[in-house]
PDB file of N, CA and C in Angstrom:
ATOM      1  N   MET A   1      64.277 111.802  95.522  1.00  0.00           N
ATOM      2  CA  MET A   1      64.526 110.510  94.890  1.00  0.00           C
ATOM      3  C   MET A   1      66.020 110.196  94.847  1.00  0.00           C
ATOM      4  N   ASP A   2      66.843 111.217  94.600  1.00  0.00           N
ATOM      5  CA  ASP A   2      68.287 110.988  94.564  1.00  0.00           C
ATOM      6  C   ASP A   2      68.818 110.569  95.930  1.00  0.00           C
ATOM      7  N   THR A   3      68.173 111.024  96.985  1.00  0.00           N
ATOM      8  CA  THR A   3      68.606 110.657  98.331  1.00  0.00           C
ATOM      9  C   THR A   3      68.481 109.152  98.530  1.00  0.00           C
ATOM     10  N   PHE A   4      67.356 108.589  98.114  1.00  0.00           N
ATOM     11  CA  PHE A   4      67.156 107.154  98.254  1.00  0.00           C
ATOM     12  C   PHE A   4      68.075 106.373  97.312  1.00  0.00           C
ATOM     13  N   ARG A   5      68.252 106.854  96.108  1.00  0.00           N
ATOM     14  CA  ARG A   5      69.136 106.167  95.159  1.00  0.00           C
ATOM     15  C   ARG A   5      70.556 106.132  95.721  1.00  0.00           C
ATOM     16  N   HIS A   6      71.018 107.249  96.267  1.00  0.00           N
ATOM     17  CA  HIS A   6      72.353 107.310  96.871  1.00  0.00           C
ATOM     18  C   HIS A   6      72.447 106.334  98.050  1.00  0.00           C
ATOM     19  N   MET A   7      71.420 106.303  98.884  1.00  0.00           N
ATOM     20  CA  MET A   7      71.407 105.414 100.036  1.00  0.00           C
ATOM     21  C   MET A   7      71.453 103.956  99.575  1.00  0.00           C
ATOM     22  N   LEU A   8      70.641 103.595  98.597  1.00  0.00           N
ATOM     23  CA  LEU A   8      70.592 102.215  98.118  1.00  0.00           C
ATOM     24  C   LEU A   8      71.910 101.817  97.443  1.00  0.00           C
ATOM     25  N   ASP A   9      72.516 102.744  96.704  1.00  0.00           N
ATOM     26  CA  ASP A   9      73.819 102.473  96.096  1.00  0.00           C
ATOM     27  C   ASP A   9      74.869 102.230  97.180  1.00  0.00           C
ATOM     28  N   ASN A  10      74.790 103.021  98.239  1.00  0.00           N
ATOM     29  CA  ASN A  10      75.713 102.864  99.360  1.00  0.00           C
ATOM     30  C   ASN A  10      75.519 101.497 100.028  1.00  0.00           C
ATOM     31  N   TRP A  11      74.266 101.112 100.230  1.00  0.00           N
ATOM     32  CA  TRP A  11      73.977  99.803 100.820  1.00  0.00           C
ATOM     33  C   TRP A  11      74.528  98.681  99.946  1.00  0.00           C
ATOM     34  N   GLU A  12      74.338  98.792  98.640  1.00  0.00           N
ATOM     35  CA  GLU A  12      74.816  97.778  97.706  1.00  0.00           C
ATOM     36  C   GLU A  12      76.334  97.663  97.773  1.00  0.00           C
ATOM     37  N   SER A  13      77.001  98.784  97.837  1.00  0.00           N
ATOM     38  CA  SER A  13      78.456  98.804  97.950  1.00  0.00           C
ATOM     39  C   SER A  13      78.916  98.148  99.251  1.00  0.00           C
ATOM     40  N   LYS A  14      78.260  98.474 100.347  1.00  0.00           N
ATOM     41  CA  LYS A  14      78.604  97.886 101.649  1.00  0.00           C
ATOM     42  C   LYS A  14      78.361  96.381 101.641  1.00  0.00           C
ATOM     43  N   ALA A  15      77.279  95.948 100.998  1.00  0.00           N
ATOM     44  CA  ALA A  15      76.972  94.508 100.930  1.00  0.00           C
ATOM     45  C   ALA A  15      78.055  93.769 100.151  1.00  0.00           C
ATOM     46  N   ARG A  16      78.514  94.348  99.033  1.00  0.00           N
ATOM     47  CA  ARG A  16      79.590  93.725  98.252  1.00  0.00           C
ATOM     48  C   ARG A  16      80.873  93.652  99.072  1.00  0.00           C
ATOM     49  N   GLN A  17      81.179  94.735  99.788  1.00  0.00           N
ATOM     50  CA  GLN A  17      82.390  94.755 100.610  1.00  0.00           C
ATOM     51  C   GLN A  17      82.332  93.706 101.707  1.00  0.00           C
ATOM     52  N   SER A  18      81.183  93.566 102.346  1.00  0.00           N
ATOM     53  CA  SER A  18      81.088  92.588 103.433  1.00  0.00           C
ATOM     54  C   SER A  18      81.178  91.159 102.909  1.00  0.00           C
ATOM     55  N   CYS A  19      80.752  90.927 101.678  1.00  0.00           N
ATOM     56  CA  CYS A  19      80.866  89.591 101.076  1.00  0.00           C
ATOM     57  C   CYS A  19      82.314  89.239 100.783  1.00  0.00           C
ATOM     58  N   GLU A  20      83.144  90.227 100.596  1.00  0.00           N
ATOM     59  CA  GLU A  20      84.539  89.996 100.265  1.00  0.00           C
ATOM     60  C   GLU A  20      85.415  89.856 101.509  1.00  0.00           C
ATOM     61  N   ARG A  21      84.854  90.007 102.666  1.00  0.00           N
ATOM     62  CA  ARG A  21      85.617  89.941 103.911  1.00  0.00           C
ATOM     63  C   ARG A  21      85.373  88.607 104.601  1.00  0.00           C
ATOM     64  N   VAL A  22      86.414  88.090 105.222  1.00  0.00           N
ATOM     65  CA  VAL A  22      86.324  86.864 106.017  1.00  0.00           C
ATOM     66  C   VAL A  22      87.035  87.101 107.338  1.00  0.00           C
ATOM     67  N   GLU A  23      86.595  86.415 108.352  1.00  0.00           N
ATOM     68  CA  GLU A  23      87.248  86.530 109.647  1.00  0.00           C
ATOM     69  C   GLU A  23      88.359  85.491 109.712  1.00  0.00           C
ATOM     70  N   TYR A  24      89.492  85.907 110.269  1.00  0.00           N
ATOM     71  CA  TYR A  24      90.657  85.029 110.344  1.00  0.00           C
ATOM     72  C   TYR A  24      91.383  85.310 111.647  1.00  0.00           C
ATOM     73  N   THR A  25      91.705  84.277 112.374  1.00  0.00           N
ATOM     74  CA  THR A  25      92.392  84.429 113.654  1.00  0.00           C
ATOM     75  C   THR A  25      93.882  84.188 113.452  1.00  0.00           C
ATOM     76  N   LEU A  26      94.712  85.043 114.054  1.00  0.00           N
ATOM     77  CA  LEU A  26      96.145  84.855 113.955  1.00  0.00           C
ATOM     78  C   LEU A  26      96.828  85.209 115.267  1.00  0.00           C
ATOM     79  N   THR A  27      98.035  84.727 115.419  1.00  0.00           N
ATOM     80  CA  THR A  27      98.827  84.991 116.613  1.00  0.00           C
ATOM     81  C   THR A  27      99.865  86.051 116.277  1.00  0.00           C
ATOM     82  N   LEU A  28     100.024  87.021 117.176  1.00  0.00           N
ATOM     83  CA  LEU A  28     100.973  88.117 116.964  1.00  0.00           C
ATOM     84  C   LEU A  28     101.969  88.184 118.105  1.00  0.00           C
ATOM     85  N   HIS A  29     103.105  88.771 117.818  1.00  0.00           N
ATOM     86  CA  HIS A  29     104.020  89.111 118.899  1.00  0.00           C
ATOM     87  C   HIS A  29     103.393  90.262 119.679  1.00  0.00           C
ATOM     88  N   LYS A  30     103.614  90.277 120.973  1.00  0.00           N
ATOM     89  CA  LYS A  30     103.024  91.318 121.818  1.00  0.00           C
ATOM     90  C   LYS A  30     103.392  92.716 121.328  1.00  0.00           C
ATOM     91  N   GLN A  31     104.644  92.902 120.931  1.00  0.00           N
ATOM     92  CA  GLN A  31     105.071  94.235 120.490  1.00  0.00           C
ATOM     93  C   GLN A  31     104.356  94.656 119.208  1.00  0.00           C
ATOM     94  N   ASP A  32     104.062  93.708 118.330  1.00  0.00           N
ATOM     95  CA  ASP A  32     103.305  94.038 117.117  1.00  0.00           C
ATOM     96  C   ASP A  32     101.886  94.463 117.469  1.00  0.00           C
ATOM     97  N   LEU A  33     101.285  93.771 118.440  1.00  0.00           N
ATOM     98  CA  LEU A  33      99.945  94.148 118.881  1.00  0.00           C
ATOM     99  C   LEU A  33      99.960  95.546 119.487  1.00  0.00           C
ATOM    100  N   VAL A  34     100.985  95.853 120.269  1.00  0.00           N
ATOM    101  CA  VAL A  34     101.120  97.195 120.850  1.00  0.00           C
ATOM    102  C   VAL A  34     101.170  98.237 119.728  1.00  0.00           C
ATOM    103  N   LYS A  35     101.913  97.956 118.686  1.00  0.00           N
ATOM    104  CA  LYS A  35     102.035  98.899 117.571  1.00  0.00           C
ATOM    105  C   LYS A  35     100.710  99.061 116.829  1.00  0.00           C
ATOM    106  N   ILE A  36      99.997  97.976 116.629  1.00  0.00           N
ATOM    107  CA  ILE A  36      98.680  98.059 115.984  1.00  0.00           C
ATOM    108  C   ILE A  36      97.737  98.907 116.820  1.00  0.00           C
ATOM    109  N   LYS A  37      97.718  98.650 118.116  1.00  0.00           N
ATOM    110  CA  LYS A  37      96.861  99.433 119.011  1.00  0.00           C
ATOM    111  C   LYS A  37      97.273 100.905 119.004  1.00  0.00           C
ATOM    112  N   ALA A  38      98.577 101.168 118.935  1.00  0.00           N
ATOM    113  CA  ALA A  38      99.061 102.552 118.911  1.00  0.00           C
ATOM    114  C   ALA A  38      98.627 103.254 117.624  1.00  0.00           C
ATOM    115  N   PHE A  39      98.748 102.565 116.473  1.00  0.00           N
ATOM    116  CA  PHE A  39      98.270 103.137 115.218  1.00  0.00           C
ATOM    117  C   PHE A  39      96.776 103.436 115.312  1.00  0.00           C
ATOM    118  N   ALA A  40      96.024 102.470 115.807  1.00  0.00           N
ATOM    119  CA  ALA A  40      94.567 102.642 115.914  1.00  0.00           C
ATOM    120  C   ALA A  40      94.221 103.825 116.804  1.00  0.00           C
ATOM    121  N   GLN A  41      94.903 103.940 117.912  1.00  0.00           N
ATOM    122  CA  GLN A  41      94.634 105.044 118.835  1.00  0.00           C
ATOM    123  C   GLN A  41      95.050 106.377 118.220  1.00  0.00           C
ATOM    124  N   ALA A  42      96.222 106.437 117.615  1.00  0.00           N
ATOM    125  CA  ALA A  42      96.716 107.689 117.039  1.00  0.00           C
ATOM    126  C   ALA A  42      95.833 108.185 115.898  1.00  0.00           C
ATOM    127  N   TYR A  43      95.330 107.252 115.091  1.00  0.00           N
ATOM    128  CA  TYR A  43      94.509 107.627 113.937  1.00  0.00           C
ATOM    129  C   TYR A  43      93.009 107.508 114.199  1.00  0.00           C
ATOM    130  N   ARG A  44      92.673 107.108 115.423  1.00  0.00           N
ATOM    131  CA  ARG A  44      91.273 106.949 115.818  1.00  0.00           C
ATOM    132  C   ARG A  44      90.526 106.005 114.864  1.00  0.00           C
ATOM    133  N   LEU A  45      91.144 104.856 114.666  1.00  0.00           N
ATOM    134  CA  LEU A  45      90.585 103.830 113.795  1.00  0.00           C
ATOM    135  C   LEU A  45      90.420 102.539 114.581  1.00  0.00           C
ATOM    136  N   ASP A  46      89.607 101.655 114.051  1.00  0.00           N
ATOM    137  CA  ASP A  46      89.399 100.338 114.623  1.00  0.00           C
ATOM    138  C   ASP A  46      90.663  99.501 114.428  1.00  0.00           C
ATOM    139  N   GLU A  47      91.041  98.732 115.454  1.00  0.00           N
ATOM    140  CA  GLU A  47      92.239  97.890 115.375  1.00  0.00           C
ATOM    141  C   GLU A  47      92.153  96.890 114.219  1.00  0.00           C
ATOM    142  N   ALA A  48      90.982  96.348 113.978  1.00  0.00           N
ATOM    143  CA  ALA A  48      90.817  95.385 112.888  1.00  0.00           C
ATOM    144  C   ALA A  48      91.082  96.053 111.543  1.00  0.00           C
ATOM    145  N   PHE A  49      90.631  97.292 111.387  1.00  0.00           N
ATOM    146  CA  PHE A  49      90.865  98.029 110.141  1.00  0.00           C
ATOM    147  C   PHE A  49      92.356  98.281 109.943  1.00  0.00           C
ATOM    148  N   VAL A  50      93.042  98.686 111.001  1.00  0.00           N
ATOM    149  CA  VAL A  50      94.487  98.935 110.928  1.00  0.00           C
ATOM    150  C   VAL A  50      95.215  97.642 110.561  1.00  0.00           C
ATOM    151  N   THR A  51      94.864  96.545 111.227  1.00  0.00           N
ATOM    152  CA  THR A  51      95.505  95.256 110.962  1.00  0.00           C
ATOM    153  C   THR A  51      95.277  94.827 109.517  1.00  0.00           C
ATOM    154  N   GLU A  52      94.044  94.960 109.056  1.00  0.00           N
ATOM    155  CA  GLU A  52      93.712  94.591 107.678  1.00  0.00           C
ATOM    156  C   GLU A  52      94.512  95.433 106.688  1.00  0.00           C
ATOM    157  N   SER A  53      94.593  96.724 106.928  1.00  0.00           N
ATOM    158  CA  SER A  53      95.336  97.616 106.034  1.00  0.00           C
ATOM    159  C   SER A  53      96.816  97.269 105.995  1.00  0.00           C
ATOM    160  N   LEU A  54      97.398  97.014 107.162  1.00  0.00           N
ATOM    161  CA  LEU A  54      98.812  96.645 107.215  1.00  0.00           C
ATOM    162  C   LEU A  54      99.065  95.328 106.489  1.00  0.00           C
ATOM    163  N   LEU A  55      98.181  94.371 106.680  1.00  0.00           N
ATOM    164  CA  LEU A  55      98.338  93.077 106.027  1.00  0.00           C
ATOM    165  C   LEU A  55      98.221  93.210 104.508  1.00  0.00           C
ATOM    166  N   GLN A  56      97.253  93.996 104.043  1.00  0.00           N
ATOM    167  CA  GLN A  56      97.096  94.208 102.602  1.00  0.00           C
ATOM    168  C   GLN A  56      98.347  94.837 102.004  1.00  0.00           C
ATOM    169  N   SER A  57      98.905  95.829 102.695  1.00  0.00           N
ATOM    170  CA  SER A  57     100.126  96.484 102.211  1.00  0.00           C
ATOM    171  C   SER A  57     101.297  95.505 102.177  1.00  0.00           C
ATOM    172  N   ALA A  58     101.418  94.694 103.212  1.00  0.00           N
ATOM    173  CA  ALA A  58     102.501  93.716 103.265  1.00  0.00           C
ATOM    174  C   ALA A  58     102.374  92.684 102.154  1.00  0.00           C
ATOM    175  N   ILE A  59     101.163  92.240 101.882  1.00  0.00           N
ATOM    176  CA  ILE A  59     100.947  91.251 100.823  1.00  0.00           C
ATOM    177  C   ILE A  59     101.323  91.834  99.464  1.00  0.00           C
ATOM    178  N   LYS A  60     100.919  93.069  99.198  1.00  0.00           N
ATOM    179  CA  LYS A  60     101.264  93.715  97.919  1.00  0.00           C
ATOM    180  C   LYS A  60     102.778  93.796  97.749  1.00  0.00           C
ATOM    181  N   GLU A  61     103.477  94.183  98.804  1.00  0.00           N
ATOM    182  CA  GLU A  61     104.931  94.285  98.734  1.00  0.00           C
ATOM    183  C   GLU A  61     105.578  92.912  98.564  1.00  0.00           C
ATOM    184  N   ALA A  62     105.054  91.904  99.248  1.00  0.00           N
ATOM    185  CA  ALA A  62     105.599  90.551  99.122  1.00  0.00           C
ATOM    186  C   ALA A  62     105.411  90.021  97.700  1.00  0.00           C
ATOM    187  N   GLU A  63     104.243  90.287  97.103  1.00  0.00           N
ATOM    188  CA  GLU A  63     104.006  89.854  95.720  1.00  0.00           C
ATOM    189  C   GLU A  63     105.003  90.513  94.767  1.00  0.00           C
ATOM    190  N   LYS A  64     105.254  91.789  94.953  1.00  0.00           N
ATOM    191  CA  LYS A  64     106.206  92.509  94.102  1.00  0.00           C
ATOM    192  C   LYS A  64     107.626  91.965  94.276  1.00  0.00           C
ATOM    193  N   ALA A  65     107.929  91.453  95.446  1.00  0.00           N
ATOM    194  CA  ALA A  65     109.285  91.005  95.762  1.00  0.00           C
ATOM    195  C   ALA A  65     109.596  89.597  95.269  1.00  0.00           C
ATOM    196  N   ILE A  66     108.592  88.849  94.838  1.00  0.00           N
ATOM    197  CA  ILE A  66     108.861  87.497  94.337  1.00  0.00           C
ATOM    198  C   ILE A  66     109.745  87.641  93.093  1.00  0.00           C
ATOM    199  N   PRO A  67     110.922  87.058  93.109  1.00  0.00           N
ATOM    200  CA  PRO A  67     111.833  87.266  91.978  1.00  0.00           C
ATOM    201  C   PRO A  67     111.414  86.499  90.729  1.00  0.00           C
ATOM    202  N   TYR A  68     111.653  87.127  89.602  1.00  0.00           N
ATOM    203  CA  TYR A  68     111.459  86.479  88.309  1.00  0.00           C
ATOM    204  C   TYR A  68     112.674  85.606  88.042  1.00  0.00           C
ATOM    205  N   VAL A  69     112.428  84.359  87.670  1.00  0.00           N
ATOM    206  CA  VAL A  69     113.510  83.440  87.315  1.00  0.00           C
ATOM    207  C   VAL A  69     113.281  83.034  85.861  1.00  0.00           C
ATOM    208  N   LYS A  70     114.216  83.416  85.025  1.00  0.00           N
ATOM    209  CA  LYS A  70     114.088  83.140  83.592  1.00  0.00           C
ATOM    210  C   LYS A  70     114.091  81.644  83.326  1.00  0.00           C
ATOM    211  N   GLY A  71     112.999  81.185  82.710  1.00  0.00           N
ATOM    212  CA  GLY A  71     112.895  79.779  82.349  1.00  0.00           C
ATOM    213  C   GLY A  71     113.473  79.525  80.971  1.00  0.00           C
ATOM    214  N   SER A  72     113.300  78.326  80.476  1.00  0.00           N
ATOM    215  CA  SER A  72     113.845  77.952  79.163  1.00  0.00           C
ATOM    216  C   SER A  72     112.815  78.083  78.042  1.00  0.00           C
ATOM    217  N   GLU A  73     111.517  78.210  78.404  1.00  0.00           N
ATOM    218  CA  GLU A  73     110.442  78.256  77.411  1.00  0.00           C
ATOM    219  C   GLU A  73     110.136  79.697  77.008  1.00  0.00           C
ATOM    220  N   VAL A  74     110.167  79.949  75.699  1.00  0.00           N
ATOM    221  CA  VAL A  74     109.777  81.256  75.171  1.00  0.00           C
ATOM    222  C   VAL A  74     108.260  81.266  75.090  1.00  0.00           C
ATOM    223  N   ILE A  75     107.623  82.250  75.756  1.00  0.00           N
ATOM    224  CA  ILE A  75     106.161  82.284  75.774  1.00  0.00           C
ATOM    225  C   ILE A  75     105.581  83.298  74.792  1.00  0.00           C
ATOM    226  N   ARG A  76     106.417  84.276  74.377  1.00  0.00           N
ATOM    227  CA  ARG A  76     105.972  85.227  73.357  1.00  0.00           C
ATOM    228  C   ARG A  76     107.178  86.049  72.909  1.00  0.00           C
ATOM    229  N   VAL A  77     106.951  86.829  71.848  1.00  0.00           N
ATOM    230  CA  VAL A  77     107.976  87.731  71.347  1.00  0.00           C
ATOM    231  C   VAL A  77     107.377  89.127  71.339  1.00  0.00           C
ATOM    232  N   GLU A  78     108.053  90.047  72.006  1.00  0.00           N
ATOM    233  CA  GLU A  78     107.595  91.435  72.058  1.00  0.00           C
ATOM    234  C   GLU A  78     108.661  92.327  71.447  1.00  0.00           C
ATOM    235  N   GLU A  79     108.277  93.032  70.396  1.00  0.00           N
ATOM    236  CA  GLU A  79     109.193  93.951  69.718  1.00  0.00           C
ATOM    237  C   GLU A  79     110.505  93.260  69.357  1.00  0.00           C
ATOM    238  N   GLY A  80     110.388  92.025  68.887  1.00  0.00           N
ATOM    239  CA  GLY A  80     111.550  91.264  68.464  1.00  0.00           C
ATOM    240  C   GLY A  80     112.337  90.603  69.580  1.00  0.00           C
ATOM    241  N   GLU A  81     111.920  90.793  70.818  1.00  0.00           N
ATOM    242  CA  GLU A  81     112.639  90.216  71.953  1.00  0.00           C
ATOM    243  C   GLU A  81     111.859  89.030  72.516  1.00  0.00           C
ATOM    244  N   GLU A  82     112.575  87.940  72.743  1.00  0.00           N
ATOM    245  CA  GLU A  82     111.938  86.746  73.294  1.00  0.00           C
ATOM    246  C   GLU A  82     111.665  86.948  74.783  1.00  0.00           C
ATOM    247  N   ILE A  83     110.439  86.590  75.196  1.00  0.00           N
ATOM    248  CA  ILE A  83     110.037  86.659  76.596  1.00  0.00           C
ATOM    249  C   ILE A  83     109.922  85.223  77.095  1.00  0.00           C
ATOM    250  N   TYR A  84     110.647  84.934  78.177  1.00  0.00           N
ATOM    251  CA  TYR A  84     110.699  83.580  78.708  1.00  0.00           C
ATOM    252  C   TYR A  84     109.732  83.410  79.881  1.00  0.00           C
ATOM    253  N   ALA A  85     109.208  82.195  80.017  1.00  0.00           N
ATOM    254  CA  ALA A  85     108.323  81.864  81.130  1.00  0.00           C
ATOM    255  C   ALA A  85     109.087  82.014  82.442  1.00  0.00           C
ATOM    256  N   ASP A  86     108.365  82.369  83.477  1.00  0.00           N
ATOM    257  CA  ASP A  86     108.952  82.499  84.813  1.00  0.00           C
ATOM    258  C   ASP A  86     109.084  81.107  85.414  1.00  0.00           C
ATOM    259  N   ALA A  87     110.295  80.730  85.773  1.00  0.00           N
ATOM    260  CA  ALA A  87     110.547  79.419  86.376  1.00  0.00           C
ATOM    261  C   ALA A  87     110.661  79.526  87.897  1.00  0.00           C
ATOM    262  N   GLY A  88     110.343  80.699  88.430  1.00  0.00           N
ATOM    263  CA  GLY A  88     110.416  80.913  89.874  1.00  0.00           C
ATOM    264  C   GLY A  88     109.114  80.537  90.563  1.00  0.00           C
ATOM    265  N   LYS A  89     108.853  81.178  91.673  1.00  0.00           N
ATOM    266  CA  LYS A  89     107.673  80.877  92.502  1.00  0.00           C
ATOM    267  C   LYS A  89     106.394  81.553  92.022  1.00  0.00           C
ATOM    268  N   THR A  90     106.504  82.561  91.152  1.00  0.00           N
ATOM    269  CA  THR A  90     105.317  83.299  90.731  1.00  0.00           C
ATOM    270  C   THR A  90     104.241  82.407  90.105  1.00  0.00           C
ATOM    271  N   PRO A  91     104.560  81.538  89.147  1.00  0.00           N
ATOM    272  CA  PRO A  91     103.506  80.694  88.570  1.00  0.00           C
ATOM    273  C   PRO A  91     102.794  79.823  89.610  1.00  0.00           C
ATOM    274  N   ALA A  92     103.549  79.238  90.534  1.00  0.00           N
ATOM    275  CA  ALA A  92     102.930  78.408  91.575  1.00  0.00           C
ATOM    276  C   ALA A  92     102.061  79.251  92.488  1.00  0.00           C
ATOM    277  N   TYR A  93     102.534  80.453  92.797  1.00  0.00           N
ATOM    278  CA  TYR A  93     101.765  81.371  93.645  1.00  0.00           C
ATOM    279  C   TYR A  93     100.448  81.764  92.967  1.00  0.00           C
ATOM    280  N   VAL A  94     100.526  82.151  91.711  1.00  0.00           N
ATOM    281  CA  VAL A  94      99.319  82.560  90.976  1.00  0.00           C
ATOM    282  C   VAL A  94      98.335  81.400  90.869  1.00  0.00           C
ATOM    283  N   GLN A  95      98.835  80.210  90.583  1.00  0.00           N
ATOM    284  CA  GLN A  95      97.964  79.029  90.469  1.00  0.00           C
ATOM    285  C   GLN A  95      97.277  78.733  91.808  1.00  0.00           C
ATOM    286  N   ALA A  96      98.039  78.781  92.899  1.00  0.00           N
ATOM    287  CA  ALA A  96      97.463  78.534  94.225  1.00  0.00           C
ATOM    288  C   ALA A  96      96.445  79.607  94.581  1.00  0.00           C
ATOM    289  N   GLU A  97      96.768  80.845  94.275  1.00  0.00           N
ATOM    290  CA  GLU A  97      95.856  81.960  94.571  1.00  0.00           C
ATOM    291  C   GLU A  97      94.523  81.787  93.845  1.00  0.00           C
ATOM    292  N   GLN A  98      94.579  81.438  92.577  1.00  0.00           N
ATOM    293  CA  GLN A  98      93.355  81.253  91.795  1.00  0.00           C
ATOM    294  C   GLN A  98      92.528  80.080  92.317  1.00  0.00           C
ATOM    295  N   ALA A  99      93.174  78.985  92.658  1.00  0.00           N
ATOM    296  CA  ALA A  99      92.453  77.816  93.177  1.00  0.00           C
ATOM    297  C   ALA A  99      91.815  78.128  94.522  1.00  0.00           C
ATOM    298  N   LEU A 100      92.547  78.797  95.400  1.00  0.00           N
ATOM    299  CA  LEU A 100      92.014  79.136  96.719  1.00  0.00           C
ATOM    300  C   LEU A 100      90.884  80.161  96.634  1.00  0.00           C
ATOM    301  N   ALA A 101      90.989  81.095  95.711  1.00  0.00           N
ATOM    302  CA  ALA A 101      89.955  82.129  95.557  1.00  0.00           C
ATOM    303  C   ALA A 101      88.613  81.502  95.174  1.00  0.00           C
ATOM    304  N   LYS A 102      88.641  80.448  94.405  1.00  0.00           N
ATOM    305  CA  LYS A 102      87.402  79.770  94.009  1.00  0.00           C
ATOM    306  C   LYS A 102      86.681  79.193  95.228  1.00  0.00           C
ATOM    307  N   ASN A 103      87.448  78.755  96.222  1.00  0.00           N
ATOM    308  CA  ASN A 103      86.873  78.140  97.412  1.00  0.00           C
ATOM    309  C   ASN A 103      86.365  79.164  98.428  1.00  0.00           C
ATOM    310  N   LEU A 104      86.752  80.411  98.284  1.00  0.00           N
ATOM    311  CA  LEU A 104      86.377  81.427  99.256  1.00  0.00           C
ATOM    312  C   LEU A 104      85.233  82.329  98.797  1.00  0.00           C
ATOM    313  N   THR A 105      84.550  81.949  97.746  1.00  0.00           N
ATOM    314  CA  THR A 105      83.418  82.745  97.316  1.00  0.00           C
ATOM    315  C   THR A 105      82.280  82.546  98.322  1.00  0.00           C
ATOM    316  N   GLY A 106      81.817  83.661  98.889  1.00  0.00           N
ATOM    317  CA  GLY A 106      80.823  83.545  99.940  1.00  0.00           C
ATOM    318  C   GLY A 106      79.478  84.132  99.602  1.00  0.00           C
ATOM    319  N   CYS A 107      79.417  85.043  98.665  1.00  0.00           N
ATOM    320  CA  CYS A 107      78.162  85.724  98.361  1.00  0.00           C
ATOM    321  C   CYS A 107      77.772  85.485  96.915  1.00  0.00           C
ATOM    322  N   PRO A 108      76.504  85.544  96.657  1.00  0.00           N
ATOM    323  CA  PRO A 108      76.023  85.354  95.285  1.00  0.00           C
ATOM    324  C   PRO A 108      76.427  86.496  94.382  1.00  0.00           C
TER     325      PRO A 108
END
């Protein structure tokens, strides 16, 4: 019985993962494609998996790199210190991300 439960749990996990994936076409520099193919060959992985992993890592780093710009509005006080709203690109980025995520829901 545990064998089937494990199998069904695995199927459920795979179904959720596939619902979160979308196909997207992009243009690359030839040398970047060569590097992706080289990573895939060296690690014996699918090129799409390598590309997806690299893109995810780049996005995480780009999000971390968005600079905080101290605004004029105090949004809270922590341990007696005033915390100011971010007047940089982060609020616009977060708002756009949330709006776009609503449109990309594909599975129930």
